[in-house]
């Protein structure tokens, strides 16, 4: 399974050892940190491993072997960033207990987190209004430190980041300008005040890598009630908005997203949609899909789910999604399983915390 970005919606209940409370977890109304326009100058290539001796021992509140293997392969490792963990980041190996791997520097807070395709991970921290991005290996060694608001990747490992009012693509040791931020704002249908976010958040909502595209989240302005749009950016620099402009009672708000293993399609959760009075639903959540051939379309909604397809105790609402490794189905974090064609399968019992971890192969 691949992981990789950005927006959050509703969190499902309190979870042990992770950010889940309304006061600490970002919501659909929380804007990302403003993109740092400075050049991401690199610091020392290797700065040594962080001292994690102050980090507590941690145990997952569920058994790894009980996760559905189709969606969480047994050979997958994960990054875990518990909220009350002294700024400690843990590596969850395929077997054994989680171990502290890195500690966020004093005075900084973790805002973005994701794996790079080469097995390193990328952690972005905020210091006031400024951000800093670290590239760290599995031994906790900082390989690079960049003045950037996060990095996202294509599945071949090419890195995309913001530099001087544009996105730049870094591949094979070379860097080139990809597309200007104004072109992305225009594709979204917003003005020059719009904020462009390219990197995944720390909470596991944006997963996977596109083969030749990334998805950026564009906010119309810096207000908590800003409208949002998803803009697809291709390797050749072309841009297009996919889906509607979100943020109204009619269009809802985007939530979790995951790319297919081959990077040619993605699924997107949309929440806070109008409910169904007949089912006594105040609001609804839906799952949309995008492919290059068929564009962006709605696949299934919570109100469509028959009782047999609903996970006991979870109800109709969901805000995250994981694509199966073989590309045939999606798992929602209310336990619902949906095939790629939209057919509903038997639900599974899966701990919500599994959707907060950042998984990789």
Protein backbone atom coordinates (compact mmCIF):
# COMPACT_ATOMS: atom_id res chain seq x y z
CA UNK A 1 0.00 0.00 0.00
CA UNK A 2 1.26 3.45 -0.84
CA UNK A 3 0.80 6.60 1.20
CA UNK A 4 1.52 10.10 0.50
CA UNK A 5 -2.52 15.34 -0.41
CA UNK A 6 -4.58 17.24 2.62
CA UNK A 7 -7.99 18.13 3.98
CA UNK A 8 -9.83 16.78 7.00
CA UNK A 9 -13.51 16.58 7.80
CA UNK A 10 -15.13 14.96 10.81
CA UNK A 11 -13.20 12.74 13.21
CA UNK A 12 -14.98 9.61 14.38
CA UNK A 13 -15.00 9.65 18.18
CA UNK A 14 -12.21 9.71 20.69
CA UNK A 15 -9.22 7.52 19.94
CA UNK A 16 -6.57 6.42 22.40
CA UNK A 17 -3.19 8.02 21.75
CA UNK A 18 -4.00 10.00 18.60
CA UNK A 19 -5.33 13.43 17.73
CA UNK A 20 -9.09 13.01 17.87
CA UNK A 21 -10.54 15.67 20.13
CA UNK A 22 -12.27 18.67 18.54
CA UNK A 23 -9.79 20.99 20.23
CA UNK A 24 -6.66 19.34 18.82
CA UNK A 25 -7.69 17.85 15.48
CA UNK A 26 -8.01 20.00 12.36
CA UNK A 27 -11.44 20.26 10.79
CA UNK A 28 -12.79 20.99 7.36
CA UNK A 29 -12.78 24.66 8.36
CA UNK A 30 -9.09 24.71 9.29
CA UNK A 31 -6.83 26.25 6.67
CA UNK A 32 -3.33 24.98 5.97
CA UNK A 33 -0.26 26.97 6.81
CA UNK A 34 0.42 29.64 4.23
CA UNK A 35 2.90 28.47 1.63
CA UNK A 36 6.39 29.76 2.34
CA UNK A 37 7.52 31.72 -0.76
CA UNK A 38 11.20 31.48 0.09
CA UNK A 39 13.61 29.24 -1.72
CA UNK A 40 13.88 25.92 0.17
CA UNK A 41 17.58 26.16 0.93
CA UNK A 42 19.02 22.85 2.08
CA UNK A 43 20.88 22.57 5.35
CA UNK A 44 23.46 19.95 6.19
CA UNK A 45 22.73 16.74 4.31
CA UNK A 46 22.90 14.65 7.48
CA UNK A 47 22.44 16.27 10.87
CA UNK A 48 22.48 13.11 13.01
CA UNK A 49 19.71 11.21 14.71
CA UNK A 50 17.36 12.94 17.13
CA UNK A 51 17.70 11.96 20.77
CA UNK A 52 14.47 10.06 21.49
CA UNK A 53 15.40 8.92 25.00
CA UNK A 54 12.65 11.12 26.44
CA UNK A 55 9.98 9.35 24.36
CA UNK A 56 7.67 6.95 26.18
CA UNK A 57 7.08 3.38 25.12
CA UNK A 58 3.88 2.99 23.16
CA UNK A 59 1.60 0.12 22.20
CA UNK A 60 -1.07 0.12 19.52
CA UNK A 61 -4.56 -0.25 21.02
CA UNK A 62 -5.32 -2.99 18.48
CA UNK A 63 -3.63 -6.09 17.10
CA UNK A 64 -1.92 -5.65 13.71
CA UNK A 65 -2.83 -9.18 12.64
CA UNK A 66 -6.54 -8.40 12.95
CA UNK A 67 -6.49 -5.66 10.32
CA UNK A 68 -7.95 -6.72 6.95
CA UNK A 69 -4.86 -7.69 4.93
CA UNK A 70 -6.35 -6.61 1.65
CA UNK A 71 -6.20 -3.00 2.83
CA UNK A 72 -3.40 -3.13 5.43
CA UNK A 73 -0.77 -5.63 4.18
CA UNK A 74 1.16 -7.51 6.83
CA UNK A 75 4.49 -6.21 5.47
CA UNK A 76 3.47 -2.55 5.80
CA UNK A 77 5.19 -0.21 8.25
CA UNK A 78 3.54 2.93 9.57
CA UNK A 79 4.31 6.29 11.14
CA UNK A 80 2.34 7.18 14.27
CA UNK A 81 2.22 10.67 15.78
CA UNK A 82 0.23 10.48 19.03
CA UNK A 83 -0.90 13.88 20.28
CA UNK A 84 0.29 13.46 23.88
CA UNK A 85 3.69 11.96 23.14
CA UNK A 86 6.25 14.70 23.89
CA UNK A 87 6.47 15.57 20.17
CA UNK A 88 7.62 11.99 19.48
CA UNK A 89 7.07 10.17 16.20
CA UNK A 90 6.92 6.36 16.22
CA UNK A 91 7.70 3.75 13.59
CA UNK A 92 5.24 0.84 13.67
CA UNK A 93 7.05 -2.16 12.13
CA UNK A 94 5.30 -5.16 10.52
CA UNK A 95 5.96 -7.06 13.75
CA UNK A 96 6.92 -5.97 17.22
CA UNK A 97 6.12 -2.85 19.19
CA UNK A 98 6.19 0.76 17.97
CA UNK A 99 9.54 2.45 18.56
CA UNK A 100 10.33 6.16 18.74
CA UNK A 101 12.15 7.22 15.58
CA UNK A 102 12.22 11.03 15.65
CA UNK A 103 11.27 13.94 17.88
CA UNK A 104 9.93 17.25 16.60
CA UNK A 105 12.38 20.00 17.60
CA UNK A 106 11.51 22.11 20.63
CA UNK A 107 9.30 25.08 19.78
CA UNK A 108 7.95 23.46 16.61
CA UNK A 109 4.74 21.51 16.00
CA UNK A 110 4.09 18.81 13.43
CA UNK A 111 1.62 19.85 10.71
CA UNK A 112 2.34 17.50 7.77
CA UNK A 113 3.64 13.97 7.55
CA UNK A 114 4.11 11.46 4.75
CA UNK A 115 6.34 8.78 3.28
CA UNK A 116 8.55 9.38 0.29
CA UNK A 117 8.62 6.56 -2.27
CA UNK A 118 12.29 5.85 -1.42
CA UNK A 119 11.42 4.87 2.18
CA UNK A 120 12.39 8.12 3.89
CA UNK A 121 9.63 10.22 5.40
CA UNK A 122 8.87 13.93 5.19
CA UNK A 123 7.76 15.89 8.25
CA UNK A 124 6.75 19.54 8.10
CA UNK A 125 6.70 21.62 11.26
CA UNK A 126 5.36 25.08 12.03
CA UNK A 127 7.17 27.75 14.01
CA UNK A 128 4.68 30.59 14.32
CA UNK A 129 3.65 31.46 10.78
CA UNK A 130 6.73 29.86 9.23
CA UNK A 131 7.21 26.24 8.21
CA UNK A 132 10.17 23.91 7.88
CA UNK A 133 10.31 20.49 6.20
CA UNK A 134 12.60 17.64 7.25
CA UNK A 135 13.49 14.59 5.18
CA UNK A 136 14.27 11.80 7.66
CA UNK A 137 15.35 8.18 7.21
CA UNK A 138 14.09 5.18 9.19
CA UNK A 139 16.98 5.50 11.64
CA UNK A 140 15.92 9.02 12.56
CA UNK A 141 18.69 10.80 10.66
CA UNK A 142 17.70 14.12 9.10
CA UNK A 143 18.87 13.96 5.48
CA UNK A 144 17.63 17.40 4.43
CA UNK A 145 16.00 20.42 6.04
CA UNK A 146 14.07 22.75 3.75
CA UNK A 147 12.34 26.09 4.17
CA UNK A 148 9.18 24.77 2.52
CA UNK A 149 5.55 24.15 3.39
CA UNK A 150 5.85 20.44 2.72
CA UNK A 151 6.68 18.17 -0.20
CA UNK A 152 4.47 15.83 -2.18
CA UNK A 153 5.57 13.09 -4.57
CA UNK A 154 4.74 11.28 -7.76
CA UNK A 155 5.02 7.50 -7.60
CA UNK A 156 8.46 7.47 -9.26
CA UNK A 157 9.84 9.55 -6.38
CA UNK A 158 9.79 12.93 -8.14
CA UNK A 159 9.28 15.65 -5.53
CA UNK A 160 7.00 18.66 -5.93
CA UNK A 161 7.21 21.74 -3.69
CA UNK A 162 6.52 25.47 -3.71
CA UNK A 163 9.29 27.90 -4.55
CA UNK A 164 8.98 31.59 -5.47
CA UNK A 165 5.26 31.66 -6.33
CA UNK A 166 5.37 28.46 -8.36
CA UNK A 167 5.48 24.70 -7.99
CA UNK A 168 8.77 23.07 -8.91
CA UNK A 169 9.47 19.48 -9.84
CA UNK A 170 12.69 17.87 -8.63
CA UNK A 171 13.64 14.60 -10.34
CA UNK A 172 16.91 12.78 -11.01
CA UNK A 173 18.87 15.54 -9.27
CA UNK A 174 17.44 18.29 -11.46
CA UNK A 175 14.81 20.91 -10.73
CA UNK A 176 12.45 22.70 -13.08
CA UNK A 177 9.52 25.06 -12.76
CA UNK A 178 6.26 23.15 -13.06
CA UNK A 179 3.45 25.73 -12.88
CA UNK A 180 2.77 29.11 -11.31
CA UNK A 181 0.49 29.43 -8.30
CA UNK A 182 -1.64 31.98 -10.16
CA UNK A 183 -2.42 29.37 -12.83
CA UNK A 184 -3.52 26.96 -10.10
CA UNK A 185 -5.71 29.63 -8.50
CA UNK A 186 -7.27 30.44 -11.87
CA UNK A 187 -8.00 26.75 -12.53
CA UNK A 188 -9.70 26.58 -9.13
CA UNK A 189 -11.81 29.60 -10.02
CA UNK A 190 -10.34 31.77 -7.26
CA UNK A 191 -8.41 35.03 -7.12
CA UNK A 192 -4.88 35.95 -6.07
CA UNK A 193 -5.71 35.66 -2.35
CA UNK A 194 -6.33 31.91 -2.65
CA UNK A 195 -4.08 29.56 -0.67
CA UNK A 196 -2.53 26.53 -2.38
CA UNK A 197 -1.71 23.42 -0.32
CA UNK A 198 0.29 20.60 -1.91
CA UNK A 199 1.49 18.40 0.97
CA UNK A 200 -0.38 15.74 2.98
CA UNK A 201 -1.55 16.57 6.50
CA UNK A 202 -0.33 14.66 9.56
CA UNK A 203 -3.63 12.89 10.21
CA UNK A 204 -3.76 10.36 7.37
CA UNK A 205 -6.45 11.94 5.21
CA UNK A 206 -4.49 12.25 1.94
CA UNK A 207 -2.91 8.97 0.84
CA UNK A 208 -1.09 7.53 -2.14
CA UNK A 209 0.80 8.88 -5.13
CA UNK A 210 -0.40 9.78 -8.58
CA UNK A 211 1.55 8.33 -11.49
CA UNK A 212 1.75 11.62 -13.40
CA UNK A 213 -0.50 13.95 -11.38
CA UNK A 214 -0.89 15.38 -7.92
CA UNK A 215 -4.02 16.83 -6.32
CA UNK A 216 -3.71 20.25 -4.70
CA UNK A 217 -6.29 21.73 -2.35
CA UNK A 218 -6.96 25.40 -3.05
CA UNK A 219 -8.74 27.62 -0.50
CA UNK A 220 -10.48 30.75 -1.76
CA UNK A 221 -9.06 32.90 1.04
CA UNK A 222 -7.68 32.74 4.56
CA UNK A 223 -11.03 32.74 6.40
CA UNK A 224 -12.27 29.68 8.31
CA UNK A 225 -15.27 29.48 5.96
CA UNK A 226 -13.24 29.55 2.75
CA UNK A 227 -14.48 27.67 -0.28
CA UNK A 228 -12.27 24.83 -1.51
CA UNK A 229 -11.40 23.31 -4.85
CA UNK A 230 -9.34 20.31 -5.95
CA UNK A 231 -6.91 21.08 -8.76
CA UNK A 232 -5.15 18.28 -10.60
CA UNK A 233 -1.60 19.16 -11.73
CA UNK A 234 0.13 16.94 -14.27
CA UNK A 235 3.84 16.28 -14.71
CA UNK A 236 3.80 18.45 -17.84
CA UNK A 237 2.47 21.44 -15.85
CA UNK A 238 -1.11 21.34 -17.09
CA UNK A 239 -3.83 22.08 -14.54
CA UNK A 240 -7.54 21.34 -14.24
CA UNK A 241 -10.10 21.60 -11.50
CA UNK A 242 -11.81 18.30 -10.70
CA UNK A 243 -15.19 18.22 -9.00
CA UNK A 244 -17.23 21.23 -7.89
CA UNK A 245 -16.19 24.14 -5.73
CA UNK A 246 -16.75 22.77 -2.23
CA UNK A 247 -17.85 24.59 0.88
CA UNK A 248 -21.59 25.10 0.47
CA UNK A 249 -24.60 23.20 1.81
CA UNK A 250 -25.08 21.78 -1.68
CA UNK A 251 -21.52 20.67 -2.50
CA UNK A 252 -20.27 19.65 0.96
CA UNK A 253 -16.60 19.53 1.99
CA UNK A 254 -13.79 17.23 0.83
CA UNK A 255 -12.40 14.68 3.28
CA UNK A 256 -10.11 11.67 2.89
CA UNK A 257 -8.51 10.75 -0.43
CA UNK A 258 -6.45 7.84 -1.77
CA UNK A 259 -4.77 7.09 -5.09
CA UNK A 260 -4.92 3.69 -6.76
CA UNK A 261 -1.76 1.57 -6.60
CA UNK A 262 -1.00 2.31 -10.26
CA UNK A 263 -1.58 6.05 -9.73
CA UNK A 264 -4.14 6.43 -12.50
CA UNK A 265 -7.22 7.23 -10.38
CA UNK A 266 -8.20 8.51 -6.95
CA UNK A 267 -11.21 8.34 -4.65
CA UNK A 268 -12.40 11.29 -2.59
CA UNK A 269 -14.72 11.41 0.43
CA UNK A 270 -17.14 14.33 0.48
CA UNK A 271 -19.07 15.14 3.66
CA UNK A 272 -21.64 17.57 5.01
CA UNK A 273 -23.92 17.00 2.03
CA UNK A 274 -27.71 17.42 2.23
CA UNK A 275 -29.31 14.56 4.14
CA UNK A 276 -32.29 12.38 3.29
CA UNK A 277 -35.43 13.29 5.25
CA UNK A 278 -36.94 9.87 4.58
CA UNK A 279 -34.00 8.23 6.35
CA UNK A 280 -33.97 10.92 9.04
CA UNK A 281 -30.42 11.93 8.02
CA UNK A 282 -29.38 15.46 8.89
CA UNK A 283 -26.52 15.22 6.39
CA UNK A 284 -24.85 12.69 4.15
CA UNK A 285 -21.33 11.56 3.22
CA UNK A 286 -20.39 10.30 -0.25
CA UNK A 287 -17.47 8.68 -2.08
CA UNK A 288 -16.41 10.15 -5.44
CA UNK A 289 -13.90 8.79 -7.95
CA UNK A 290 -11.74 10.41 -10.64
CA UNK A 291 -10.14 8.73 -13.65
CA UNK A 292 -8.59 10.30 -16.73
CA UNK A 293 -11.09 8.50 -18.96
CA UNK A 294 -14.33 9.16 -17.07
CA UNK A 295 -13.50 12.29 -15.12
CA UNK A 296 -14.92 13.02 -11.67
CA UNK A 297 -18.14 11.27 -10.62
CA UNK A 298 -20.08 10.17 -7.56
CA UNK A 299 -19.74 6.48 -6.69
CA UNK A 300 -21.83 5.86 -3.56
CA UNK A 301 -23.27 7.72 -0.54
CA UNK A 302 -23.95 6.71 3.03
CA UNK A 303 -27.67 6.98 2.40
CA UNK A 304 -27.29 4.32 -0.32
CA UNK A 305 -25.96 1.72 2.12
CA UNK A 306 -28.30 -1.14 3.02
CA UNK A 307 -28.25 -2.35 6.61
CA UNK A 308 -26.20 -5.43 5.71
CA UNK A 309 -23.38 -3.21 4.38
CA UNK A 310 -23.17 -1.04 7.50
CA UNK A 311 -20.60 -1.75 10.15
CA UNK A 312 -22.26 -2.29 13.56
CA UNK A 313 -22.11 0.82 15.70
CA UNK A 314 -20.54 3.02 12.98
CA UNK A 315 -23.62 4.25 11.12
CA UNK A 316 -23.67 5.90 7.70
CA UNK A 317 -20.96 8.49 8.17
CA UNK A 318 -17.33 8.18 7.06
CA UNK A 319 -14.53 10.63 6.36
CA UNK A 320 -11.56 8.49 5.24
CA UNK A 321 -10.89 5.87 2.63
CA UNK A 322 -8.19 3.30 1.84
CA UNK A 323 -7.84 1.67 -1.58
CA UNK A 324 -7.04 -2.05 -1.61
CA UNK A 325 -3.59 -3.09 -2.80
CA UNK A 326 -5.08 -4.92 -5.80
CA UNK A 327 -7.21 -1.92 -6.79
CA UNK A 328 -10.52 -3.78 -6.64
CA UNK A 329 -12.19 -2.17 -3.60
CA UNK A 330 -12.24 0.67 -1.08
CA UNK A 331 -12.50 0.50 2.70
CA UNK A 332 -14.25 3.39 4.46
CA UNK A 333 -13.55 4.14 8.10
CA UNK A 334 -17.07 3.16 9.14
CA UNK A 335 -16.20 -0.38 8.02
CA UNK A 336 -18.01 -0.25 4.68
CA UNK A 337 -16.33 -2.00 1.72
CA UNK A 338 -17.15 -0.75 -1.78
CA UNK A 339 -15.97 -2.29 -5.05
CA UNK A 340 -14.41 -0.15 -7.79
CA UNK A 341 -17.70 -0.39 -9.69
CA UNK A 342 -19.64 0.89 -6.68
CA UNK A 343 -21.02 -2.46 -5.52
CA UNK A 344 -21.29 -2.91 -1.76
CA UNK A 345 -19.59 -5.83 -0.05
CA UNK A 346 -19.79 -7.23 3.45
CA UNK A 347 -18.55 -4.72 6.05
CA UNK A 348 -15.46 -5.36 8.15
CA UNK A 349 -14.53 -4.40 11.69
CA UNK A 350 -11.50 -2.10 11.59
CA UNK A 351 -10.13 0.19 14.36
CA UNK A 352 -10.50 3.89 13.42
CA UNK A 353 -6.90 4.51 14.57
CA UNK A 354 -5.68 2.41 11.62
CA UNK A 355 -6.76 5.28 9.35
CA UNK A 356 -4.66 7.80 11.31
CA UNK A 357 -1.36 6.00 10.76
CA UNK A 358 0.76 6.74 7.70
CA UNK A 359 1.26 3.36 6.01
CA UNK A 360 3.88 2.31 3.51
CA UNK A 361 5.12 -0.94 1.98
